[in-house]
Protein backbone atom coordinates (compact mmCIF):
# COMPACT_ATOMS: atom_id res chain seq x y z
CA MET A 1 50.66 198.44 -18.47
CA LEU A 2 51.01 195.16 -16.55
CA SER A 3 48.75 194.77 -13.56
CA LEU A 4 49.99 192.65 -10.67
CA GLY A 5 46.58 192.34 -9.10
CA ASP A 6 44.39 194.57 -7.04
CA SER A 7 44.70 192.76 -3.74
CA PRO A 8 47.65 191.48 -1.72
CA GLU A 9 46.26 187.93 -2.04
CA GLU A 10 46.37 188.10 -5.85
CA ARG A 11 49.93 189.42 -5.77
CA GLU A 12 51.02 186.68 -3.37
CA TYR A 13 49.40 184.01 -5.55
CA GLY A 14 51.13 185.40 -8.65
CA LEU A 15 54.50 185.44 -6.90
CA ARG A 16 54.04 181.87 -5.67
CA MET A 17 53.17 180.71 -9.19
CA LEU A 18 56.32 182.41 -10.49
CA VAL A 19 58.43 180.53 -7.94
CA VAL A 20 56.65 177.25 -8.77
CA SER A 21 57.28 177.73 -12.49
CA ARG A 22 61.00 178.26 -11.88
CA CYS A 23 61.14 175.09 -9.76
CA VAL A 24 59.37 173.07 -12.47
CA GLU A 25 61.88 174.38 -15.02
CA ARG A 26 64.78 173.25 -12.80
CA ILE A 27 63.21 169.80 -12.47
CA GLY A 28 63.06 169.61 -16.27
CA ASP A 29 66.71 170.65 -16.55
CA HIS A 30 67.73 167.94 -14.10
CA ALA A 31 65.70 165.35 -16.03
CA VAL A 32 67.53 166.30 -19.25
CA ASP A 33 70.90 165.99 -17.48
CA ILE A 34 69.96 162.53 -16.20
CA GLY A 35 68.87 161.51 -19.70
CA GLU A 36 72.20 162.66 -21.16
CA GLN A 37 74.11 160.67 -18.54
CA VAL A 38 72.04 157.52 -19.18
CA ALA A 39 72.54 157.87 -22.93
CA TYR A 40 76.30 158.12 -22.37
CA LEU A 41 76.32 155.05 -20.13
CA VAL A 42 74.41 153.04 -22.73
CA THR A 43 76.21 154.22 -25.89
CA GLY A 44 79.59 155.50 -24.70
CA VAL A 45 79.02 158.63 -26.79
CA PHE A 46 78.29 161.98 -25.17
CA GLN A 47 75.42 163.74 -26.89
CA GLU A 48 74.01 166.97 -25.57
CA PHE A 49 70.24 166.94 -25.89
CA THR A 50 68.73 169.95 -27.63
CA ASP A 51 65.87 172.13 -26.55
CA ALA A 52 62.57 170.52 -27.56
CA SER A 53 61.08 173.96 -28.15
CA HIS A 54 63.22 174.29 -31.30
CA PRO A 55 61.89 171.55 -33.63
CA GLU A 56 63.69 173.07 -36.63
CA VAL A 57 66.89 171.33 -35.50
CA GLU A 58 67.04 168.05 -37.42
CA ALA A 59 67.84 164.82 -35.60
CA SER A 60 70.72 164.19 -37.99
CA THR A 61 72.25 167.53 -37.03
CA ARG A 62 72.04 166.67 -33.35
CA LEU A 63 73.61 163.28 -33.90
CA GLY A 64 76.40 164.81 -35.96
CA ARG A 65 77.56 166.79 -32.95
CA ALA A 66 78.03 163.71 -30.77
CA ILE A 67 81.60 163.29 -29.53
CA ARG A 68 83.47 160.44 -27.92
CA PHE A 69 85.46 161.11 -24.77
CA ASP A 70 88.42 159.04 -26.00
CA GLY A 71 88.91 161.35 -29.00
CA ARG A 72 88.20 158.71 -31.65
CA PRO A 73 85.57 159.38 -34.30
CA ARG A 74 82.16 157.86 -33.73
CA GLY A 75 81.71 154.31 -34.99
CA THR A 76 85.38 153.28 -34.69
CA ASP A 77 85.08 150.94 -31.72
CA GLN A 78 83.98 147.74 -33.49
CA GLY A 79 86.49 144.97 -32.83
CA GLU A 80 89.35 147.24 -31.73
CA PRO A 81 91.44 146.31 -28.69
C-alpha cells in the first residue's frame, strides 16, 4: 500500500511537490503552444507539435498532418497571387 509519510511535515512536502510538478507541466504546455505559434508565423503552416515522450512517431508523419489555414495544399504558394 502507498505510504504518504509518517509525519505531517512529510505529507506537506509531498503535497507541495505534487503542486509544483503540475505547475511545471503547465509551463511546458505553454512553451509548446508558443512554439506552435512561432512556427506558424514563420512558415504560414499550422503544425501541432507532438508529445516528445512518444518517439515512435516519425517526423514525416508529423509533417504530413500540417494544414494551411487558407485551405490550399501545402507547397502551393510559390509565385501565386
